[in-house]
C-alpha atoms as a PDB file:
ATOM      1  CA  UNK A   1       1.582  -2.274  39.345  1.00  0.00           C
ATOM      2  CA  UNK A   2      -1.971  -1.101  39.193  1.00  0.00           C
ATOM      3  CA  UNK A   3      -5.148  -2.618  37.998  1.00  0.00           C
ATOM      4  CA  UNK A   4      -8.017  -0.266  36.519  1.00  0.00           C
ATOM      5  CA  UNK A   5     -11.082  -2.633  35.916  1.00  0.00           C
ATOM      6  CA  UNK A   6     -13.019  -0.917  32.493  1.00  0.00           C
ATOM      7  CA  UNK A   7     -16.452  -0.724  33.478  1.00  0.00           C
ATOM      8  CA  UNK A   8     -17.567  -1.259  29.698  1.00  0.00           C
ATOM      9  CA  UNK A   9     -17.595  -4.921  30.365  1.00  0.00           C
ATOM     10  CA  UNK A  10     -20.056  -3.882  34.006  1.00  0.00           C
ATOM     11  CA  UNK A  11     -23.888  -4.412  34.037  1.00  0.00           C
ATOM     12  CA  UNK A  12     -24.840  -0.610  33.142  1.00  0.00           C
ATOM     13  CA  UNK A  13     -28.181  -1.107  35.349  1.00  0.00           C
ATOM     14  CA  UNK A  14     -26.035  -1.604  38.129  1.00  0.00           C
ATOM     15  CA  UNK A  15     -22.679   0.309  38.280  1.00  0.00           C
ATOM     16  CA  UNK A  16     -22.771   1.150  41.695  1.00  0.00           C
ATOM     17  CA  UNK A  17     -23.120  -2.302  42.674  1.00  0.00           C
ATOM     18  CA  UNK A  18     -20.819  -3.874  40.188  1.00  0.00           C
ATOM     19  CA  UNK A  19     -18.499  -1.008  41.914  1.00  0.00           C
ATOM     20  CA  UNK A  20     -18.941  -3.012  45.376  1.00  0.00           C
ATOM     21  CA  UNK A  21     -17.147  -5.727  43.806  1.00  0.00           C
ATOM     22  CA  UNK A  22     -13.979  -4.675  42.804  1.00  0.00           C
ATOM     23  CA  UNK A  23     -12.661  -2.692  46.496  1.00  0.00           C
ATOM     24  CA  UNK A  24      -9.337  -3.861  45.895  1.00  0.00           C
ATOM     25  CA  UNK A  25      -9.107  -2.140  42.395  1.00  0.00           C
ATOM     26  CA  UNK A  26      -6.839   0.958  42.199  1.00  0.00           C
ATOM     27  CA  UNK A  27      -8.490   2.641  39.476  1.00  0.00           C
ATOM     28  CA  UNK A  28     -11.865   2.344  37.771  1.00  0.00           C
ATOM     29  CA  UNK A  29     -11.657   2.712  33.984  1.00  0.00           C
ATOM     30  CA  UNK A  30     -14.584   4.886  32.284  1.00  0.00           C
ATOM     31  CA  UNK A  31     -14.810   4.363  28.467  1.00  0.00           C
ATOM     32  CA  UNK A  32     -16.110   7.356  27.211  1.00  0.00           C
ATOM     33  CA  UNK A  33     -17.331   7.255  23.656  1.00  0.00           C
ATOM     34  CA  UNK A  34     -19.265   9.433  21.101  1.00  0.00           C
ATOM     35  CA  UNK A  35     -19.901   7.252  18.437  1.00  0.00           C
ATOM     36  CA  UNK A  36     -17.849   9.407  15.979  1.00  0.00           C
ATOM     37  CA  UNK A  37     -14.139   9.010  17.106  1.00  0.00           C
ATOM     38  CA  UNK A  38     -15.256   5.080  17.475  1.00  0.00           C
ATOM     39  CA  UNK A  39     -18.190   3.873  15.837  1.00  0.00           C
ATOM     40  CA  UNK A  40     -19.550   3.111  19.789  1.00  0.00           C
ATOM     41  CA  UNK A  41     -21.536   5.465  22.178  1.00  0.00           C
ATOM     42  CA  UNK A  42     -21.470   4.841  26.085  1.00  0.00           C
ATOM     43  CA  UNK A  43     -21.222   7.305  28.592  1.00  0.00           C
ATOM     44  CA  UNK A  44     -20.441  10.747  29.138  1.00  0.00           C
ATOM     45  CA  UNK A  45     -20.318  13.686  31.722  1.00  0.00           C
ATOM     46  CA  UNK A  46     -23.524  13.066  33.942  1.00  0.00           C
ATOM     47  CA  UNK A  47     -22.415   9.005  34.482  1.00  0.00           C
ATOM     48  CA  UNK A  48     -19.028  10.161  35.565  1.00  0.00           C
ATOM     49  CA  UNK A  49     -20.313  12.907  37.984  1.00  0.00           C
ATOM     50  CA  UNK A  50     -22.622  10.175  39.669  1.00  0.00           C
ATOM     51  CA  UNK A  51     -19.515   7.441  39.964  1.00  0.00           C
ATOM     52  CA  UNK A  52     -17.825  10.277  41.145  1.00  0.00           C
ATOM     53  CA  UNK A  53     -20.450  10.534  43.741  1.00  0.00           C
ATOM     54  CA  UNK A  54     -20.782   6.568  44.431  1.00  0.00           C
ATOM     55  CA  UNK A  55     -16.878   5.485  45.315  1.00  0.00           C
ATOM     56  CA  UNK A  56     -13.995   7.107  46.617  1.00  0.00           C
ATOM     57  CA  UNK A  57     -12.153   5.020  44.167  1.00  0.00           C
ATOM     58  CA  UNK A  58     -10.621   7.370  41.629  1.00  0.00           C
ATOM     59  CA  UNK A  59     -11.559   7.483  37.712  1.00  0.00           C
ATOM     60  CA  UNK A  60      -9.249   7.069  35.349  1.00  0.00           C
ATOM     61  CA  UNK A  61     -11.126   8.162  32.506  1.00  0.00           C
ATOM     62  CA  UNK A  62     -10.706   7.254  28.973  1.00  0.00           C
ATOM     63  CA  UNK A  63     -11.757   9.486  26.060  1.00  0.00           C
ATOM     64  CA  UNK A  64     -12.669   8.218  23.050  1.00  0.00           C
ATOM     65  CA  UNK A  65     -14.260  11.135  21.528  1.00  0.00           C
ATOM     66  CA  UNK A  66     -13.666  14.252  18.902  1.00  0.00           C
ATOM     67  CA  UNK A  67     -12.503  17.352  20.015  1.00  0.00           C
ATOM     68  CA  UNK A  68     -11.316  16.106  22.978  1.00  0.00           C
ATOM     69  CA  UNK A  69      -9.864  19.620  23.541  1.00  0.00           C
ATOM     70  CA  UNK A  70     -13.062  20.830  24.635  1.00  0.00           C
ATOM     71  CA  UNK A  71     -14.313  18.277  26.290  1.00  0.00           C
ATOM     72  CA  UNK A  72     -11.370  16.407  28.400  1.00  0.00           C
ATOM     73  CA  UNK A  73     -11.243  19.569  30.719  1.00  0.00           C
ATOM     74  CA  UNK A  74     -15.125  19.055  31.982  1.00  0.00           C
ATOM     75  CA  UNK A  75     -14.174  15.271  32.798  1.00  0.00           C
ATOM     76  CA  UNK A  76     -10.948  16.767  35.064  1.00  0.00           C
ATOM     77  CA  UNK A  77     -13.538  18.995  36.562  1.00  0.00           C
ATOM     78  CA  UNK A  78     -15.855  16.347  36.801  1.00  0.00           C
ATOM     79  CA  UNK A  79     -13.967  14.354  39.519  1.00  0.00           C
ATOM     80  CA  UNK A  80     -12.005  12.111  37.535  1.00  0.00           C
ATOM     81  CA  UNK A  81      -8.434  11.556  39.049  1.00  0.00           C
ATOM     82  CA  UNK A  82      -7.318  10.672  35.287  1.00  0.00           C
ATOM     83  CA  UNK A  83      -7.763  12.074  32.124  1.00  0.00           C
ATOM     84  CA  UNK A  84      -6.756  10.292  28.867  1.00  0.00           C
ATOM     85  CA  UNK A  85      -7.482  11.922  25.494  1.00  0.00           C
ATOM     86  CA  UNK A  86      -6.061  10.677  22.123  1.00  0.00           C
ATOM     87  CA  UNK A  87      -3.324  11.797  20.074  1.00  0.00           C
ATOM     88  CA  UNK A  88      -5.557  10.985  17.017  1.00  0.00           C
ATOM     89  CA  UNK A  89      -7.735  13.402  17.873  1.00  0.00           C
ATOM     90  CA  UNK A  90      -6.101  16.450  20.358  1.00  0.00           C
ATOM     91  CA  UNK A  91      -5.383  19.339  18.228  1.00  0.00           C
ATOM     92  CA  UNK A  92      -3.127  21.254  21.089  1.00  0.00           C
ATOM     93  CA  UNK A  93      -1.792  17.926  23.188  1.00  0.00           C
ATOM     94  CA  UNK A  94       0.467  19.759  25.622  1.00  0.00           C
ATOM     95  CA  UNK A  95      -2.182  22.663  26.097  1.00  0.00           C
ATOM     96  CA  UNK A  96      -4.301  20.076  26.777  1.00  0.00           C
ATOM     97  CA  UNK A  97      -2.098  17.786  29.297  1.00  0.00           C
ATOM     98  CA  UNK A  98      -1.253  21.237  31.181  1.00  0.00           C
ATOM     99  CA  UNK A  99      -4.885  22.021  31.497  1.00  0.00           C
ATOM    100  CA  UNK A 100      -5.656  18.954  33.085  1.00  0.00           C
ATOM    101  CA  UNK A 101      -2.976  19.270  35.586  1.00  0.00           C
ATOM    102  CA  UNK A 102      -4.112  22.549  36.485  1.00  0.00           C
ATOM    103  CA  UNK A 103      -7.313  21.290  37.147  1.00  0.00           C
ATOM    104  CA  UNK A 104      -5.750  18.545  39.659  1.00  0.00           C
ATOM    105  CA  UNK A 105      -6.399  15.548  37.252  1.00  0.00           C
ATOM    106  CA  UNK A 106      -3.372  13.351  35.535  1.00  0.00           C
ATOM    107  CA  UNK A 107      -2.900  13.743  32.195  1.00  0.00           C
ATOM    108  CA  UNK A 108      -2.750  10.573  29.839  1.00  0.00           C
ATOM    109  CA  UNK A 109      -2.379  10.410  26.103  1.00  0.00           C
ATOM    110  CA  UNK A 110      -3.397   7.345  23.962  1.00  0.00           C
ATOM    111  CA  UNK A 111      -2.245   5.846  20.922  1.00  0.00           C
ATOM    112  CA  UNK A 112      -4.410   3.410  18.612  1.00  0.00           C
ATOM    113  CA  UNK A 113      -2.825   0.045  17.652  1.00  0.00           C
ATOM    114  CA  UNK A 114      -1.207   1.313  14.264  1.00  0.00           C
ATOM    115  CA  UNK A 115      -0.005   4.944  15.982  1.00  0.00           C
ATOM    116  CA  UNK A 116       3.547   5.190  16.554  1.00  0.00           C
ATOM    117  CA  UNK A 117       4.612   6.450  19.885  1.00  0.00           C
ATOM    118  CA  UNK A 118       8.131   7.641  19.013  1.00  0.00           C
ATOM    119  CA  UNK A 119       6.875  11.149  17.728  1.00  0.00           C
ATOM    120  CA  UNK A 120       4.840  11.766  21.091  1.00  0.00           C
ATOM    121  CA  UNK A 121       8.624  11.534  22.817  1.00  0.00           C
ATOM    122  CA  UNK A 122       8.707  15.167  23.496  1.00  0.00           C
ATOM    123  CA  UNK A 123       5.612  15.064  24.904  1.00  0.00           C
ATOM    124  CA  UNK A 124       6.593  13.004  28.309  1.00  0.00           C
ATOM    125  CA  UNK A 125       6.978  15.828  30.690  1.00  0.00           C
ATOM    126  CA  UNK A 126       3.729  17.132  30.307  1.00  0.00           C
ATOM    127  CA  UNK A 127       2.347  13.790  30.632  1.00  0.00           C
ATOM    128  CA  UNK A 128       1.455  11.247  33.443  1.00  0.00           C
ATOM    129  CA  UNK A 129       0.649   8.191  31.268  1.00  0.00           C
ATOM    130  CA  UNK A 130       0.627   6.923  28.346  1.00  0.00           C
ATOM    131  CA  UNK A 131      -2.288   4.682  27.259  1.00  0.00           C
ATOM    132  CA  UNK A 132      -0.786   1.966  24.070  1.00  0.00           C
ATOM    133  CA  UNK A 133      -3.886   0.660  22.903  1.00  0.00           C
ATOM    134  CA  UNK A 134      -3.947  -3.378  22.745  1.00  0.00           C
ATOM    135  CA  UNK A 135      -7.173  -3.847  20.728  1.00  0.00           C
ATOM    136  CA  UNK A 136      -8.971  -1.404  17.695  1.00  0.00           C
ATOM    137  CA  UNK A 137     -10.743   0.934  20.354  1.00  0.00           C
ATOM    138  CA  UNK A 138     -14.596   0.738  20.732  1.00  0.00           C
ATOM    139  CA  UNK A 139     -15.417  -1.953  21.536  1.00  0.00           C
ATOM    140  CA  UNK A 140     -14.914  -4.540  24.976  1.00  0.00           C
ATOM    141  CA  UNK A 141     -14.481  -8.340  24.653  1.00  0.00           C
ATOM    142  CA  UNK A 142     -11.631  -7.649  21.771  1.00  0.00           C
ATOM    143  CA  UNK A 143      -8.524 -10.209  20.957  1.00  0.00           C
ATOM    144  CA  UNK A 144      -5.068  -8.607  22.224  1.00  0.00           C
ATOM    145  CA  UNK A 145      -3.046  -7.624  20.235  1.00  0.00           C
ATOM    146  CA  UNK A 146       0.519  -8.793  20.529  1.00  0.00           C
ATOM    147  CA  UNK A 147       1.634  -6.742  17.268  1.00  0.00           C
ATOM    148  CA  UNK A 148       1.776  -3.604  19.999  1.00  0.00           C
ATOM    149  CA  UNK A 149       3.660  -5.225  22.575  1.00  0.00           C
ATOM    150  CA  UNK A 150       7.117  -4.193  21.156  1.00  0.00           C
ATOM    151  CA  UNK A 151       5.686  -0.925  21.200  1.00  0.00           C
ATOM    152  CA  UNK A 152       4.769  -1.190  24.635  1.00  0.00           C
ATOM    153  CA  UNK A 153       8.068  -2.000  25.326  1.00  0.00           C
ATOM    154  CA  UNK A 154       9.630   1.376  23.255  1.00  0.00           C
ATOM    155  CA  UNK A 155       7.381   3.386  25.465  1.00  0.00           C
ATOM    156  CA  UNK A 156       8.424   2.404  28.495  1.00  0.00           C
ATOM    157  CA  UNK A 157      12.053   3.028  26.807  1.00  0.00           C
ATOM    158  CA  UNK A 158      11.063   6.456  26.124  1.00  0.00           C
ATOM    159  CA  UNK A 159       9.887   7.009  29.792  1.00  0.00           C
ATOM    160  CA  UNK A 160      13.302   5.627  30.900  1.00  0.00           C
ATOM    161  CA  UNK A 161      15.815   8.256  28.908  1.00  0.00           C
ATOM    162  CA  UNK A 162      12.861  10.939  29.677  1.00  0.00           C
ATOM    163  CA  UNK A 163      13.842  10.894  33.298  1.00  0.00           C
ATOM    164  CA  UNK A 164      10.325  11.158  33.935  1.00  0.00           C
ATOM    165  CA  UNK A 165       7.633   9.622  36.202  1.00  0.00           C
ATOM    166  CA  UNK A 166       5.397   8.729  33.391  1.00  0.00           C
ATOM    167  CA  UNK A 167       3.099   5.241  33.596  1.00  0.00           C
ATOM    168  CA  UNK A 168       2.265   2.817  30.661  1.00  0.00           C
ATOM    169  CA  UNK A 169      -0.939   1.516  30.759  1.00  0.00           C
ATOM    170  CA  UNK A 170      -2.056  -0.927  28.454  1.00  0.00           C
ATOM    171  CA  UNK A 171      -5.680  -1.776  27.358  1.00  0.00           C
ATOM    172  CA  UNK A 172      -7.762  -4.235  25.386  1.00  0.00           C
ATOM    173  CA  UNK A 173      -7.739  -8.162  25.859  1.00  0.00           C
ATOM    174  CA  UNK A 174      -5.882  -7.717  28.435  1.00  0.00           C
ATOM    175  CA  UNK A 175      -6.497 -11.124  31.098  1.00  0.00           C
ATOM    176  CA  UNK A 176      -4.313 -13.896  32.799  1.00  0.00           C
ATOM    177  CA  UNK A 177      -3.365 -15.159  29.683  1.00  0.00           C
ATOM    178  CA  UNK A 178      -1.800 -11.821  28.481  1.00  0.00           C
ATOM    179  CA  UNK A 179      -0.914  -9.463  31.644  1.00  0.00           C
ATOM    180  CA  UNK A 180       2.142 -11.172  32.196  1.00  0.00           C
ATOM    181  CA  UNK A 181       3.316 -10.238  28.363  1.00  0.00           C
ATOM    182  CA  UNK A 182       2.388  -6.967  29.036  1.00  0.00           C
ATOM    183  CA  UNK A 183       4.070  -6.135  32.277  1.00  0.00           C
ATOM    184  CA  UNK A 184       7.823  -8.072  31.067  1.00  0.00           C
ATOM    185  CA  UNK A 185       7.401  -5.768  28.089  1.00  0.00           C
ATOM    186  CA  UNK A 186       7.240  -2.775  30.432  1.00  0.00           C
ATOM    187  CA  UNK A 187       3.540  -1.861  31.278  1.00  0.00           C
ATOM    188  CA  UNK A 188       2.634  -0.958  34.572  1.00  0.00           C
ATOM    189  CA  UNK A 189      -1.143   0.043  34.949  1.00  0.00           C
ATOM    190  CA  UNK A 190      -3.477  -3.064  33.312  1.00  0.00           C
ATOM    191  CA  UNK A 191      -6.627  -2.445  32.139  1.00  0.00           C
ATOM    192  CA  UNK A 192      -9.033  -5.350  32.471  1.00  0.00           C
ATOM    193  CA  UNK A 193     -12.970  -5.440  31.352  1.00  0.00           C
ATOM    194  CA  UNK A 194     -14.195  -8.845  30.467  1.00  0.00           C
ATOM    195  CA  UNK A 195     -11.667 -11.002  32.483  1.00  0.00           C
ATOM    196  CA  UNK A 196     -12.758  -8.617  35.723  1.00  0.00           C
ATOM    197  CA  UNK A 197     -16.202  -8.263  35.775  1.00  0.00           C
ATOM    198  CA  UNK A 198     -17.094 -11.470  33.792  1.00  0.00           C
ATOM    199  CA  UNK A 199     -15.244 -13.260  36.539  1.00  0.00           C
ATOM    200  CA  UNK A 200     -17.386 -15.226  38.750  1.00  0.00           C
ATOM    201  CA  UNK A 201     -15.332 -13.312  41.683  1.00  0.00           C
ATOM    202  CA  UNK A 202     -14.284  -9.891  40.707  1.00  0.00           C
ATOM    203  CA  UNK A 203     -11.986  -8.625  43.470  1.00  0.00           C
ATOM    204  CA  UNK A 204      -9.899 -12.004  43.464  1.00  0.00           C
ATOM    205  CA  UNK A 205      -9.335 -11.740  39.770  1.00  0.00           C
ATOM    206  CA  UNK A 206      -8.125  -8.708  40.818  1.00  0.00           C
ATOM    207  CA  UNK A 207      -5.633  -9.510  42.744  1.00  0.00           C
ATOM    208  CA  UNK A 208      -4.360 -12.467  40.502  1.00  0.00           C
ATOM    209  CA  UNK A 209      -3.741 -10.102  38.023  1.00  0.00           C
ATOM    210  CA  UNK A 210      -1.656  -7.550  40.407  1.00  0.00           C
ATOM    211  CA  UNK A 211      -0.078 -10.671  41.333  1.00  0.00           C
ATOM    212  CA  UNK A 212       0.902 -11.949  38.042  1.00  0.00           C
ATOM    213  CA  UNK A 213       1.839  -8.516  36.584  1.00  0.00           C
ATOM    214  CA  UNK A 214       4.348  -8.410  39.741  1.00  0.00           C
ATOM    215  CA  UNK A 215       5.897 -11.563  39.150  1.00  0.00           C
ATOM    216  CA  UNK A 216       6.609 -10.930  35.725  1.00  0.00           C
ATOM    217  CA  UNK A 217       7.316  -7.280  35.757  1.00  0.00           C
ATOM    218  CA  UNK A 218      10.949  -6.379  35.404  1.00  0.00           C
ATOM    219  CA  UNK A 219      10.416  -2.955  37.166  1.00  0.00           C
ATOM    220  CA  UNK A 220       8.924  -5.015  40.272  1.00  0.00           C
ATOM    221  CA  UNK A 221      11.366  -7.338  40.529  1.00  0.00           C
ATOM    222  CA  UNK A 222      14.561  -4.796  39.909  1.00  0.00           C
ATOM    223  CA  UNK A 223      15.838  -6.839  36.988  1.00  0.00           C
END
């Protein structure tokens, strides 16, 4: 069970200090938005390069951008440990995933709440992670969409059938109130933004979320 705190909910004026508050994070989730694929603009390559120099925690870059086929490899080259692009935006997802892997990054495929996951089952051998959005992408602090939970379970079953070692990540509205349901459905990587950086003690919150996910997950319990 891995926790990836989303820097979208951190104080952008003091990102390095915010990162120091979550030294127990498995990943740092970096939301890259271009104002086209989603109606918001956040950070880009220069910030990712600066973050890479500021921390040893691996960067989990989630690209909510148009034309990821062109831009995603640059994030791998900038030092991201994982680069996730959207199925709705990629033109050649297999080729892009293979390029990311060749550059040393894990390759992730994201789908929006209304996008089915089954059509992408054949891509699993070329992927390291599936990201299921549990809110509409573009803004932090949104309410968790329970309607996505069956799709999380479906994704886990597709991974099981494929025999591939592919992580299932959820992003959006993950908190102490929802992480157990996500883990029970089959997720094993959890993006949490406001739940972590809005907490009085982000370090303790990361630990609490990981413990709750572990307790609820059939993957962790072997059930």
